[in-house]
């Protein structure tokens, strides 16, 4: 299997930046890995905070202890700045992952060409 294919598969399927580590480019791999993990960390933190808020509302009696009411609260879309930040974090995560895979392929292709 070509180096470029291995690198892109590692970055696309395992973790953003993993292909760069395979290509012995740890600095750029770390940048991709940290940027995607930062975005993912924000999304997980946001989900946790939302779950805490909903559970507090249930305990306070603001949301009845019924499946439909809880489902409605959980699936309610964020609004305002909260929605903006969630969308930016999601876009950042997806972009970091996609760009890492494309760049791993590009740099792997250069390694393949030098090996010929």
PDB file of N, CA and C in Angstrom:
ATOM      1  N   UNK A   1       0.851  -1.173   0.000  1.00  0.00           N
ATOM      2  CA  UNK A   1       0.000   0.000   0.000  1.00  0.00           C
ATOM      3  C   UNK A   1       0.897   1.235   0.000  1.00  0.00           C
ATOM      4  N   UNK A   2       0.486   2.223  -0.777  1.00  0.00           N
ATOM      5  CA  UNK A   2       1.267   3.446  -0.889  1.00  0.00           C
ATOM      6  C   UNK A   2       1.234   4.236   0.418  1.00  0.00           C
ATOM      7  N   UNK A   3       2.278   5.002   0.623  1.00  0.00           N
ATOM      8  CA  UNK A   3       2.383   5.840   1.814  1.00  0.00           C
ATOM      9  C   UNK A   3       1.249   6.852   1.866  1.00  0.00           C
ATOM     10  N   UNK A   4       0.894   7.426   0.709  1.00  0.00           N
ATOM     11  CA  UNK A   4      -0.175   8.428   0.681  1.00  0.00           C
ATOM     12  C   UNK A   4      -1.512   7.822   1.098  1.00  0.00           C
ATOM     13  N   UNK A   5      -1.780   6.597   0.695  1.00  0.00           N
ATOM     14  CA  UNK A   5      -3.038   5.943   1.053  1.00  0.00           C
ATOM     15  C   UNK A   5      -3.062   5.625   2.544  1.00  0.00           C
ATOM     16  N   UNK A   6      -1.956   5.123   3.078  1.00  0.00           N
ATOM     17  CA  UNK A   6      -1.891   4.840   4.518  1.00  0.00           C
ATOM     18  C   UNK A   6      -2.099   6.118   5.327  1.00  0.00           C
ATOM     19  N   UNK A   7      -1.454   7.195   4.903  1.00  0.00           N
ATOM     20  CA  UNK A   7      -1.549   8.462   5.637  1.00  0.00           C
ATOM     21  C   UNK A   7      -2.970   9.007   5.628  1.00  0.00           C
ATOM     22  N   UNK A   8      -3.614   8.969   4.460  1.00  0.00           N
ATOM     23  CA  UNK A   8      -4.970   9.504   4.387  1.00  0.00           C
ATOM     24  C   UNK A   8      -5.945   8.618   5.167  1.00  0.00           C
ATOM     25  N   UNK A   9      -5.754   7.320   5.152  1.00  0.00           N
ATOM     26  CA  UNK A   9      -6.633   6.435   5.918  1.00  0.00           C
ATOM     27  C   UNK A   9      -6.472   6.663   7.428  1.00  0.00           C
ATOM     28  N   UNK A  10      -5.250   6.864   7.867  1.00  0.00           N
ATOM     29  CA  UNK A  10      -5.029   7.143   9.290  1.00  0.00           C
ATOM     30  C   UNK A  10      -5.686   8.457   9.703  1.00  0.00           C
ATOM     31  N   UNK A  11      -5.521   9.485   8.868  1.00  0.00           N
ATOM     32  CA  UNK A  11      -6.104  10.784   9.216  1.00  0.00           C
ATOM     33  C   UNK A  11      -7.620  10.786   9.081  1.00  0.00           C
ATOM     34  N   UNK A  12      -8.144  10.065   8.113  1.00  0.00           N
ATOM     35  CA  UNK A  12      -9.589  10.090   7.881  1.00  0.00           C
ATOM     36  C   UNK A  12     -10.346   9.154   8.812  1.00  0.00           C
ATOM     37  N   UNK A  13      -9.765   8.004   9.136  1.00  0.00           N
ATOM     38  CA  UNK A  13     -10.509   7.001   9.899  1.00  0.00           C
ATOM     39  C   UNK A  13     -10.107   6.906  11.367  1.00  0.00           C
ATOM     40  N   UNK A  14      -8.867   7.197  11.686  1.00  0.00           N
ATOM     41  CA  UNK A  14      -8.419   7.043  13.073  1.00  0.00           C
ATOM     42  C   UNK A  14      -8.555   8.355  13.845  1.00  0.00           C
ATOM     43  N   UNK A  15      -7.804   9.351  13.412  1.00  0.00           N
ATOM     44  CA  UNK A  15      -7.765  10.613  14.148  1.00  0.00           C
ATOM     45  C   UNK A  15      -7.143  11.669  13.237  1.00  0.00           C
ATOM     46  N   UNK A  16      -7.680  12.891  13.228  1.00  0.00           N
ATOM     47  CA  UNK A  16      -7.047  13.922  12.408  1.00  0.00           C
ATOM     48  C   UNK A  16      -5.611  14.160  12.876  1.00  0.00           C
ATOM     49  N   UNK A  17      -4.698  14.144  11.955  1.00  0.00           N
ATOM     50  CA  UNK A  17      -3.284  14.328  12.281  1.00  0.00           C
ATOM     51  C   UNK A  17      -2.521  13.031  12.408  1.00  0.00           C
ATOM     52  N   UNK A  18      -3.206  11.896  12.507  1.00  0.00           N
ATOM     53  CA  UNK A  18      -2.514  10.611  12.657  1.00  0.00           C
ATOM     54  C   UNK A  18      -1.676  10.289  11.426  1.00  0.00           C
ATOM     55  N   UNK A  19      -2.163  10.658  10.258  1.00  0.00           N
ATOM     56  CA  UNK A  19      -1.396  10.437   9.030  1.00  0.00           C
ATOM     57  C   UNK A  19      -0.112  11.249   9.014  1.00  0.00           C
ATOM     58  N   UNK A  20      -0.145  12.417   9.603  1.00  0.00           N
ATOM     59  CA  UNK A  20       1.058  13.252   9.671  1.00  0.00           C
ATOM     60  C   UNK A  20       2.098  12.636  10.608  1.00  0.00           C
ATOM     61  N   UNK A  21       1.626  12.049  11.694  1.00  0.00           N
ATOM     62  CA  UNK A  21       2.566  11.355  12.576  1.00  0.00           C
ATOM     63  C   UNK A  21       3.194  10.172  11.843  1.00  0.00           C
ATOM     64  N   UNK A  22       2.414   9.471  11.036  1.00  0.00           N
ATOM     65  CA  UNK A  22       2.930   8.364  10.235  1.00  0.00           C
ATOM     66  C   UNK A  22       3.987   8.859   9.244  1.00  0.00           C
ATOM     67  N   UNK A  23       3.770  10.066   8.711  1.00  0.00           N
ATOM     68  CA  UNK A  23       4.718  10.647   7.755  1.00  0.00           C
ATOM     69  C   UNK A  23       5.886  11.346   8.444  1.00  0.00           C
ATOM     70  N   UNK A  24       5.958  11.222   9.759  1.00  0.00           N
ATOM     71  CA  UNK A  24       7.013  11.844  10.573  1.00  0.00           C
ATOM     72  C   UNK A  24       6.970  13.369  10.480  1.00  0.00           C
ATOM     73  N   UNK A  25       5.754  13.902  10.559  1.00  0.00           N
ATOM     74  CA  UNK A  25       5.516  15.346  10.595  1.00  0.00           C
ATOM     75  C   UNK A  25       4.689  15.652  11.845  1.00  0.00           C
ATOM     76  N   UNK A  26       5.315  15.483  13.021  1.00  0.00           N
ATOM     77  CA  UNK A  26       4.523  15.583  14.258  1.00  0.00           C
ATOM     78  C   UNK A  26       3.999  16.988  14.557  1.00  0.00           C
ATOM     79  N   UNK A  27       4.657  18.026  14.103  1.00  0.00           N
ATOM     80  CA  UNK A  27       4.195  19.381  14.417  1.00  0.00           C
ATOM     81  C   UNK A  27       2.852  19.659  13.752  1.00  0.00           C
ATOM     82  N   UNK A  28       2.775  19.418  12.461  1.00  0.00           N
ATOM     83  CA  UNK A  28       1.511  19.667  11.760  1.00  0.00           C
ATOM     84  C   UNK A  28       0.439  18.676  12.214  1.00  0.00           C
ATOM     85  N   UNK A  29       0.846  17.453  12.523  1.00  0.00           N
ATOM     86  CA  UNK A  29      -0.100  16.479  13.051  1.00  0.00           C
ATOM     87  C   UNK A  29      -0.684  16.927  14.381  1.00  0.00           C
ATOM     88  N   UNK A  30       0.160  17.499  15.215  1.00  0.00           N
ATOM     89  CA  UNK A  30      -0.312  18.005  16.514  1.00  0.00           C
ATOM     90  C   UNK A  30      -1.272  19.173  16.346  1.00  0.00           C
ATOM     91  N   UNK A  31      -1.003  20.025  15.368  1.00  0.00           N
ATOM     92  CA  UNK A  31      -1.889  21.169  15.127  1.00  0.00           C
ATOM     93  C   UNK A  31      -3.279  20.681  14.724  1.00  0.00           C
ATOM     94  N   UNK A  32      -3.332  19.733  13.786  1.00  0.00           N
ATOM     95  CA  UNK A  32      -4.623  19.199  13.361  1.00  0.00           C
ATOM     96  C   UNK A  32      -5.321  18.472  14.505  1.00  0.00           C
ATOM     97  N   UNK A  33      -4.575  17.687  15.250  1.00  0.00           N
ATOM     98  CA  UNK A  33      -5.162  16.912  16.343  1.00  0.00           C
ATOM     99  C   UNK A  33      -5.701  17.834  17.436  1.00  0.00           C
ATOM    100  N   UNK A  34      -4.920  18.812  17.827  1.00  0.00           N
ATOM    101  CA  UNK A  34      -5.348  19.720  18.896  1.00  0.00           C
ATOM    102  C   UNK A  34      -6.523  20.599  18.472  1.00  0.00           C
ATOM    103  N   UNK A  35      -6.515  21.058  17.217  1.00  0.00           N
ATOM    104  CA  UNK A  35      -7.629  21.907  16.779  1.00  0.00           C
ATOM    105  C   UNK A  35      -8.928  21.118  16.715  1.00  0.00           C
ATOM    106  N   UNK A  36      -8.872  19.886  16.230  1.00  0.00           N
ATOM    107  CA  UNK A  36     -10.103  19.096  16.184  1.00  0.00           C
ATOM    108  C   UNK A  36     -10.546  18.680  17.587  1.00  0.00           C
ATOM    109  N   UNK A  37      -9.614  18.355  18.458  1.00  0.00           N
ATOM    110  CA  UNK A  37      -9.972  17.988  19.826  1.00  0.00           C
ATOM    111  C   UNK A  37     -10.506  19.183  20.612  1.00  0.00           C
ATOM    112  N   UNK A  38     -10.010  20.379  20.313  1.00  0.00           N
ATOM    113  CA  UNK A  38     -10.536  21.581  20.978  1.00  0.00           C
ATOM    114  C   UNK A  38     -11.996  21.794  20.592  1.00  0.00           C
ATOM    115  N   UNK A  39     -12.300  21.669  19.316  1.00  0.00           N
ATOM    116  CA  UNK A  39     -13.685  21.823  18.863  1.00  0.00           C
ATOM    117  C   UNK A  39     -14.573  20.730  19.455  1.00  0.00           C
ATOM    118  N   UNK A  40     -14.078  19.503  19.452  1.00  0.00           N
ATOM    119  CA  UNK A  40     -14.846  18.392  20.013  1.00  0.00           C
ATOM    120  C   UNK A  40     -15.050  18.563  21.516  1.00  0.00           C
ATOM    121  N   UNK A  41     -14.049  19.065  22.206  1.00  0.00           N
ATOM    122  CA  UNK A  41     -14.169  19.304  23.644  1.00  0.00           C
ATOM    123  C   UNK A  41     -15.245  20.338  23.939  1.00  0.00           C
ATOM    124  N   UNK A  42     -15.302  21.383  23.130  1.00  0.00           N
ATOM    125  CA  UNK A  42     -16.348  22.386  23.318  1.00  0.00           C
ATOM    126  C   UNK A  42     -17.729  21.768  23.112  1.00  0.00           C
ATOM    127  N   UNK A  43     -17.878  20.956  22.075  1.00  0.00           N
ATOM    128  CA  UNK A  43     -19.173  20.334  21.805  1.00  0.00           C
ATOM    129  C   UNK A  43     -19.587  19.399  22.943  1.00  0.00           C
ATOM    130  N   UNK A  44     -18.649  18.643  23.471  1.00  0.00           N
ATOM    131  CA  UNK A  44     -18.956  17.755  24.591  1.00  0.00           C
ATOM    132  C   UNK A  44     -19.301  18.565  25.837  1.00  0.00           C
ATOM    133  N   UNK A  45     -18.561  19.635  26.099  1.00  0.00           N
ATOM    134  CA  UNK A  45     -18.857  20.503  27.242  1.00  0.00           C
ATOM    135  C   UNK A  45     -20.248  21.105  27.101  1.00  0.00           C
ATOM    136  N   UNK A  46     -20.594  21.554  25.903  1.00  0.00           N
ATOM    137  CA  UNK A  46     -21.906  22.142  25.668  1.00  0.00           C
ATOM    138  C   UNK A  46     -23.010  21.110  25.918  1.00  0.00           C
ATOM    139  N   UNK A  47     -22.823  19.896  25.451  1.00  0.00           N
ATOM    140  CA  UNK A  47     -23.816  18.838  25.677  1.00  0.00           C
ATOM    141  C   UNK A  47     -23.961  18.547  27.171  1.00  0.00           C
ATOM    142  N   UNK A  48     -22.857  18.525  27.880  1.00  0.00           N
ATOM    143  CA  UNK A  48     -22.890  18.291  29.330  1.00  0.00           C
ATOM    144  C   UNK A  48     -23.652  19.405  30.050  1.00  0.00           C
ATOM    145  N   UNK A  49     -23.347  20.650  29.707  1.00  0.00           N
ATOM    146  CA  UNK A  49     -24.014  21.789  30.335  1.00  0.00           C
ATOM    147  C   UNK A  49     -25.515  21.758  30.051  1.00  0.00           C
ATOM    148  N   UNK A  50     -25.852  21.404  28.837  1.00  0.00           N
ATOM    149  CA  UNK A  50     -27.277  21.334  28.469  1.00  0.00           C
ATOM    150  C   UNK A  50     -27.978  20.224  29.253  1.00  0.00           C
ATOM    151  N   UNK A  51     -27.323  19.081  29.391  1.00  0.00           N
ATOM    152  CA  UNK A  51     -27.893  17.976  30.161  1.00  0.00           C
ATOM    153  C   UNK A  51     -28.073  18.380  31.621  1.00  0.00           C
ATOM    154  N   UNK A  52     -27.118  19.103  32.171  1.00  0.00           N
ATOM    155  CA  UNK A  52     -27.229  19.580  33.549  1.00  0.00           C
ATOM    156  C   UNK A  52     -28.413  20.534  33.710  1.00  0.00           C
ATOM    157  N   UNK A  53     -28.579  21.428  32.747  1.00  0.00           N
ATOM    158  CA  UNK A  53     -29.678  22.387  32.793  1.00  0.00           C
ATOM    159  C   UNK A  53     -31.025  21.672  32.721  1.00  0.00           C
ATOM    160  N   UNK A  54     -31.153  20.734  31.820  1.00  0.00           N
ATOM    161  CA  UNK A  54     -32.410  20.001  31.670  1.00  0.00           C
ATOM    162  C   UNK A  54     -32.709  19.178  32.923  1.00  0.00           C
ATOM    163  N   UNK A  55     -31.697  18.532  33.471  1.00  0.00           N
ATOM    164  CA  UNK A  55     -31.930  17.734  34.681  1.00  0.00           C
ATOM    165  C   UNK A  55     -32.321  18.634  35.855  1.00  0.00           C
ATOM    166  N   UNK A  56     -31.742  19.811  35.942  1.00  0.00           N
ATOM    167  CA  UNK A  56     -32.115  20.752  37.005  1.00  0.00           C
ATOM    168  C   UNK A  56     -33.555  21.221  36.817  1.00  0.00           C
ATOM    169  N   UNK A  57     -33.955  21.454  35.565  1.00  0.00           N
ATOM    170  CA  UNK A  57     -35.333  21.862  35.296  1.00  0.00           C
ATOM    171  C   UNK A  57     -36.312  20.743  35.656  1.00  0.00           C
ATOM    172  N   UNK A  58     -35.919  19.509  35.433  1.00  0.00           N
ATOM    173  CA  UNK A  58     -36.774  18.376  35.807  1.00  0.00           C
ATOM    174  C   UNK A  58     -36.906  18.313  37.330  1.00  0.00           C
ATOM    175  N   UNK A  59     -35.790  18.456  38.031  1.00  0.00           N
ATOM    176  CA  UNK A  59     -35.829  18.416  39.493  1.00  0.00           C
ATOM    177  C   UNK A  59     -36.636  19.565  40.095  1.00  0.00           C
ATOM    178  N   UNK A  60     -36.602  20.733  39.442  1.00  0.00           N
ATOM    179  CA  UNK A  60     -37.353  21.897  39.927  1.00  0.00           C
ATOM    180  C   UNK A  60     -38.823  21.847  39.535  1.00  0.00           C
ATOM    181  N   UNK A  61     -39.196  20.877  38.721  1.00  0.00           N
ATOM    182  CA  UNK A  61     -40.586  20.756  38.291  1.00  0.00           C
ATOM    183  C   UNK A  61     -40.943  21.606  37.093  1.00  0.00           C
ATOM    184  N   UNK A  62     -39.968  22.270  36.488  1.00  0.00           N
ATOM    185  CA  UNK A  62     -40.240  23.104  35.313  1.00  0.00           C
ATOM    186  C   UNK A  62     -40.544  22.238  34.089  1.00  0.00           C
ATOM    187  N   UNK A  63     -39.946  21.073  34.031  1.00  0.00           N
ATOM    188  CA  UNK A  63     -40.218  20.110  32.965  1.00  0.00           C
ATOM    189  C   UNK A  63     -40.812  18.881  33.639  1.00  0.00           C
ATOM    190  N   UNK A  64     -42.012  18.460  33.193  1.00  0.00           N
ATOM    191  CA  UNK A  64     -42.617  17.283  33.830  1.00  0.00           C
ATOM    192  C   UNK A  64     -41.817  16.019  33.521  1.00  0.00           C
ATOM    193  N   UNK A  65     -41.925  15.062  34.398  1.00  0.00           N
ATOM    194  CA  UNK A  65     -41.201  13.806  34.267  1.00  0.00           C
ATOM    195  C   UNK A  65     -41.960  12.878  33.311  1.00  0.00           C
ATOM    196  N   UNK A  66     -42.048  13.318  32.062  1.00  0.00           N
ATOM    197  CA  UNK A  66     -42.698  12.564  30.998  1.00  0.00           C
ATOM    198  C   UNK A  66     -41.739  12.486  29.822  1.00  0.00           C
ATOM    199  N   UNK A  67     -41.790  11.378  29.127  1.00  0.00           N
ATOM    200  CA  UNK A  67     -40.861  11.153  28.025  1.00  0.00           C
ATOM    201  C   UNK A  67     -40.979  12.223  26.953  1.00  0.00           C
ATOM    202  N   UNK A  68     -42.199  12.574  26.572  1.00  0.00           N
ATOM    203  CA  UNK A  68     -42.381  13.563  25.505  1.00  0.00           C
ATOM    204  C   UNK A  68     -41.850  14.938  25.904  1.00  0.00           C
ATOM    205  N   UNK A  69     -42.060  15.334  27.131  1.00  0.00           N
ATOM    206  CA  UNK A  69     -41.581  16.638  27.598  1.00  0.00           C
ATOM    207  C   UNK A  69     -40.057  16.671  27.657  1.00  0.00           C
ATOM    208  N   UNK A  70     -39.461  15.604  28.151  1.00  0.00           N
ATOM    209  CA  UNK A  70     -37.994  15.533  28.217  1.00  0.00           C
ATOM    210  C   UNK A  70     -37.409  15.482  26.815  1.00  0.00           C
ATOM    211  N   UNK A  71     -38.018  14.691  25.936  1.00  0.00           N
ATOM    212  CA  UNK A  71     -37.547  14.605  24.545  1.00  0.00           C
ATOM    213  C   UNK A  71     -37.620  15.964  23.864  1.00  0.00           C
ATOM    214  N   UNK A  72     -38.687  16.696  24.118  1.00  0.00           N
ATOM    215  CA  UNK A  72     -38.843  18.030  23.544  1.00  0.00           C
ATOM    216  C   UNK A  72     -37.750  18.976  24.037  1.00  0.00           C
ATOM    217  N   UNK A  73     -37.422  18.898  25.307  1.00  0.00           N
ATOM    218  CA  UNK A  73     -36.373  19.764  25.866  1.00  0.00           C
ATOM    219  C   UNK A  73     -34.994  19.392  25.322  1.00  0.00           C
ATOM    220  N   UNK A  74     -34.750  18.102  25.179  1.00  0.00           N
ATOM    221  CA  UNK A  74     -33.438  17.649  24.707  1.00  0.00           C
ATOM    222  C   UNK A  74     -33.224  18.006  23.242  1.00  0.00           C
ATOM    223  N   UNK A  75     -34.261  17.876  22.422  1.00  0.00           N
ATOM    224  CA  UNK A  75     -34.111  18.103  20.985  1.00  0.00           C
ATOM    225  C   UNK A  75     -34.302  19.550  20.574  1.00  0.00           C
ATOM    226  N   UNK A  76     -34.578  20.426  21.529  1.00  0.00           N
ATOM    227  CA  UNK A  76     -34.743  21.840  21.205  1.00  0.00           C
ATOM    228  C   UNK A  76     -33.407  22.406  20.719  1.00  0.00           C
ATOM    229  N   UNK A  77     -33.437  23.078  19.579  1.00  0.00           N
ATOM    230  CA  UNK A  77     -32.220  23.633  18.989  1.00  0.00           C
ATOM    231  C   UNK A  77     -31.736  24.834  19.791  1.00  0.00           C
ATOM    232  N   UNK A  78     -30.423  24.987  19.913  1.00  0.00           N
ATOM    233  CA  UNK A  78     -29.898  26.172  20.603  1.00  0.00           C
ATOM    234  C   UNK A  78     -30.224  27.441  19.815  1.00  0.00           C
ATOM    235  N   UNK A  79     -30.268  28.565  20.499  1.00  0.00           N
ATOM    236  CA  UNK A  79     -30.606  29.839  19.860  1.00  0.00           C
ATOM    237  C   UNK A  79     -29.538  30.881  20.184  1.00  0.00           C
ATOM    238  N   UNK A  80     -29.496  31.917  19.366  1.00  0.00           N
ATOM    239  CA  UNK A  80     -28.612  33.053  19.608  1.00  0.00           C
ATOM    240  C   UNK A  80     -27.138  32.706  19.505  1.00  0.00           C
ATOM    241  N   UNK A  81     -26.361  33.280  20.409  1.00  0.00           N
ATOM    242  CA  UNK A  81     -24.919  33.051  20.404  1.00  0.00           C
ATOM    243  C   UNK A  81     -24.565  31.594  20.655  1.00  0.00           C
ATOM    244  N   UNK A  82     -25.382  30.921  21.437  1.00  0.00           N
ATOM    245  CA  UNK A  82     -25.143  29.504  21.720  1.00  0.00           C
ATOM    246  C   UNK A  82     -25.159  28.694  20.423  1.00  0.00           C
ATOM    247  N   UNK A  83     -26.134  28.968  19.560  1.00  0.00           N
ATOM    248  CA  UNK A  83     -26.225  28.277  18.275  1.00  0.00           C
ATOM    249  C   UNK A  83     -25.018  28.611  17.399  1.00  0.00           C
ATOM    250  N   UNK A  84     -24.608  29.867  17.423  1.00  0.00           N
ATOM    251  CA  UNK A  84     -23.453  30.284  16.631  1.00  0.00           C
ATOM    252  C   UNK A  84     -22.199  29.534  17.051  1.00  0.00           C
ATOM    253  N   UNK A  85     -21.959  29.452  18.354  1.00  0.00           N
ATOM    254  CA  UNK A  85     -20.759  28.776  18.849  1.00  0.00           C
ATOM    255  C   UNK A  85     -20.788  27.276  18.575  1.00  0.00           C
ATOM    256  N   UNK A  86     -21.954  26.675  18.711  1.00  0.00           N
ATOM    257  CA  UNK A  86     -22.073  25.244  18.410  1.00  0.00           C
ATOM    258  C   UNK A  86     -21.816  24.997  16.931  1.00  0.00           C
ATOM    259  N   UNK A  87     -22.371  25.848  16.074  1.00  0.00           N
ATOM    260  CA  UNK A  87     -22.152  25.687  14.631  1.00  0.00           C
ATOM    261  C   UNK A  87     -20.695  25.922  14.256  1.00  0.00           C
ATOM    262  N   UNK A  88     -20.062  26.910  14.870  1.00  0.00           N
ATOM    263  CA  UNK A  88     -18.643  27.166  14.590  1.00  0.00           C
ATOM    264  C   UNK A  88     -17.771  26.001  15.049  1.00  0.00           C
ATOM    265  N   UNK A  89     -18.061  25.455  16.220  1.00  0.00           N
ATOM    266  CA  UNK A  89     -17.284  24.325  16.726  1.00  0.00           C
ATOM    267  C   UNK A  89     -17.479  23.096  15.841  1.00  0.00           C
ATOM    268  N   UNK A  90     -18.711  22.870  15.400  1.00  0.00           N
ATOM    269  CA  UNK A  90     -18.973  21.737  14.513  1.00  0.00           C
ATOM    270  C   UNK A  90     -18.248  21.912  13.184  1.00  0.00           C
ATOM    271  N   UNK A  91     -18.334  23.096  12.614  1.00  0.00           N
ATOM    272  CA  UNK A  91     -17.640  23.361  11.352  1.00  0.00           C
ATOM    273  C   UNK A  91     -16.125  23.242  11.526  1.00  0.00           C
ATOM    274  N   UNK A  92     -15.607  23.751  12.628  1.00  0.00           N
ATOM    275  CA  UNK A  92     -14.169  23.651  12.887  1.00  0.00           C
ATOM    276  C   UNK A  92     -13.713  22.208  13.005  1.00  0.00           C
ATOM    277  N   UNK A  93     -14.514  21.396  13.679  1.00  0.00           N
ATOM    278  CA  UNK A  93     -14.178  19.985  13.837  1.00  0.00           C
ATOM    279  C   UNK A  93     -14.158  19.271  12.488  1.00  0.00           C
ATOM    280  N   UNK A  94     -15.203  19.473  11.702  1.00  0.00           N
ATOM    281  CA  UNK A  94     -15.297  18.812  10.394  1.00  0.00           C
ATOM    282  C   UNK A  94     -14.204  19.318   9.457  1.00  0.00           C
ATOM    283  N   UNK A  95     -13.966  20.616   9.449  1.00  0.00           N
ATOM    284  CA  UNK A  95     -12.923  21.171   8.578  1.00  0.00           C
ATOM    285  C   UNK A  95     -11.533  20.682   8.968  1.00  0.00           C
ATOM    286  N   UNK A  96     -11.245  20.648  10.247  1.00  0.00           N
ATOM    287  CA  UNK A  96      -9.933  20.162  10.688  1.00  0.00           C
ATOM    288  C   UNK A  96      -9.735  18.716  10.251  1.00  0.00           C
ATOM    289  N   UNK A  97     -10.768  17.907  10.391  1.00  0.00           N
ATOM    290  CA  UNK A  97     -10.673  16.504  10.010  1.00  0.00           C
ATOM    291  C   UNK A  97     -10.457  16.365   8.502  1.00  0.00           C
ATOM    292  N   UNK A  98     -11.249  17.105   7.706  1.00  0.00           N
ATOM    293  CA  UNK A  98     -11.147  17.013   6.251  1.00  0.00           C
ATOM    294  C   UNK A  98      -9.811  17.550   5.746  1.00  0.00           C
ATOM    295  N   UNK A  99      -9.397  18.678   6.267  1.00  0.00           N
ATOM    296  CA  UNK A  99      -8.130  19.272   5.813  1.00  0.00           C
ATOM    297  C   UNK A  99      -6.959  18.388   6.224  1.00  0.00           C
ATOM    298  N   UNK A 100      -7.027  17.786   7.393  1.00  0.00           N
ATOM    299  CA  UNK A 100      -5.957  16.879   7.828  1.00  0.00           C
ATOM    300  C   UNK A 100      -5.846  15.693   6.887  1.00  0.00           C
ATOM    301  N   UNK A 101      -6.971  15.132   6.475  1.00  0.00           N
ATOM    302  CA  UNK A 101      -6.943  13.989   5.554  1.00  0.00           C
ATOM    303  C   UNK A 101      -6.383  14.405   4.198  1.00  0.00           C
ATOM    304  N   UNK A 102      -6.843  15.541   3.679  1.00  0.00           N
ATOM    305  CA  UNK A 102      -6.345  16.009   2.378  1.00  0.00           C
ATOM    306  C   UNK A 102      -4.856  16.333   2.425  1.00  0.00           C
ATOM    307  N   UNK A 103      -4.424  16.984   3.486  1.00  0.00           N
ATOM    308  CA  UNK A 103      -3.013  17.334   3.592  1.00  0.00           C
ATOM    309  C   UNK A 103      -2.143  16.098   3.800  1.00  0.00           C
ATOM    310  N   UNK A 104      -2.653  15.117   4.526  1.00  0.00           N
ATOM    311  CA  UNK A 104      -1.898  13.875   4.702  1.00  0.00           C
ATOM    312  C   UNK A 104      -1.717  13.175   3.353  1.00  0.00           C
ATOM    313  N   UNK A 105      -2.758  13.196   2.542  1.00  0.00           N
ATOM    314  CA  UNK A 105      -2.647  12.597   1.211  1.00  0.00           C
ATOM    315  C   UNK A 105      -1.625  13.357   0.362  1.00  0.00           C
ATOM    316  N   UNK A 106      -1.711  14.698   0.405  1.00  0.00           N
ATOM    317  CA  UNK A 106      -0.782  15.520  -0.381  1.00  0.00           C
ATOM    318  C   UNK A 106       0.667  15.267   0.023  1.00  0.00           C
ATOM    319  N   UNK A 107       0.921  15.263   1.324  1.00  0.00           N
ATOM    320  CA  UNK A 107       2.290  15.050   1.777  1.00  0.00           C
ATOM    321  C   UNK A 107       2.734  13.606   1.563  1.00  0.00           C
ATOM    322  N   UNK A 108       1.812  12.660   1.674  1.00  0.00           N
ATOM    323  CA  UNK A 108       2.139  11.266   1.392  1.00  0.00           C
ATOM    324  C   UNK A 108       2.457  11.055  -0.072  1.00  0.00           C
ATOM    325  N   UNK A 109       1.760  11.766  -0.938  1.00  0.00           N
ATOM    326  CA  UNK A 109       2.022  11.691  -2.380  1.00  0.00           C
ATOM    327  C   UNK A 109       3.430  12.196  -2.689  1.00  0.00           C
ATOM    328  N   UNK A 110       3.866  13.247  -1.998  1.00  0.00           N
ATOM    329  CA  UNK A 110       5.229  13.753  -2.188  1.00  0.00           C
ATOM    330  C   UNK A 110       6.251  12.706  -1.765  1.00  0.00           C
ATOM    331  N   UNK A 111       5.983  12.006  -0.674  1.00  0.00           N
ATOM    332  CA  UNK A 111       6.885  10.940  -0.212  1.00  0.00           C
ATOM    333  C   UNK A 111       6.917   9.810  -1.244  1.00  0.00           C
ATOM    334  N   UNK A 112       5.750   9.460  -1.789  1.00  0.00           N
ATOM    335  CA  UNK A 112       5.674   8.413  -2.810  1.00  0.00           C
ATOM    336  C   UNK A 112       6.491   8.779  -4.047  1.00  0.00           C
ATOM    337  N   UNK A 113       6.386  10.042  -4.459  1.00  0.00           N
ATOM    338  CA  UNK A 113       7.110  10.487  -5.653  1.00  0.00           C
ATOM    339  C   UNK A 113       8.616  10.494  -5.419  1.00  0.00           C
ATOM    340  N   UNK A 114       9.062  10.850  -4.224  1.00  0.00           N
ATOM    341  CA  UNK A 114      10.487  10.837  -3.913  1.00  0.00           C
ATOM    342  C   UNK A 114      11.033   9.414  -3.858  1.00  0.00           C
ATOM    343  N   UNK A 115      10.179   8.453  -3.514  1.00  0.00           N
ATOM    344  CA  UNK A 115      10.612   7.063  -3.378  1.00  0.00           C
ATOM    345  C   UNK A 115      10.790   6.372  -4.738  1.00  0.00           C
ATOM    346  N   UNK A 116      10.237   6.959  -5.787  1.00  0.00           N
ATOM    347  CA  UNK A 116      10.336   6.340  -7.118  1.00  0.00           C
ATOM    348  C   UNK A 116      11.726   6.377  -7.671  1.00  0.00           C
TER     349      UNK A 116
END
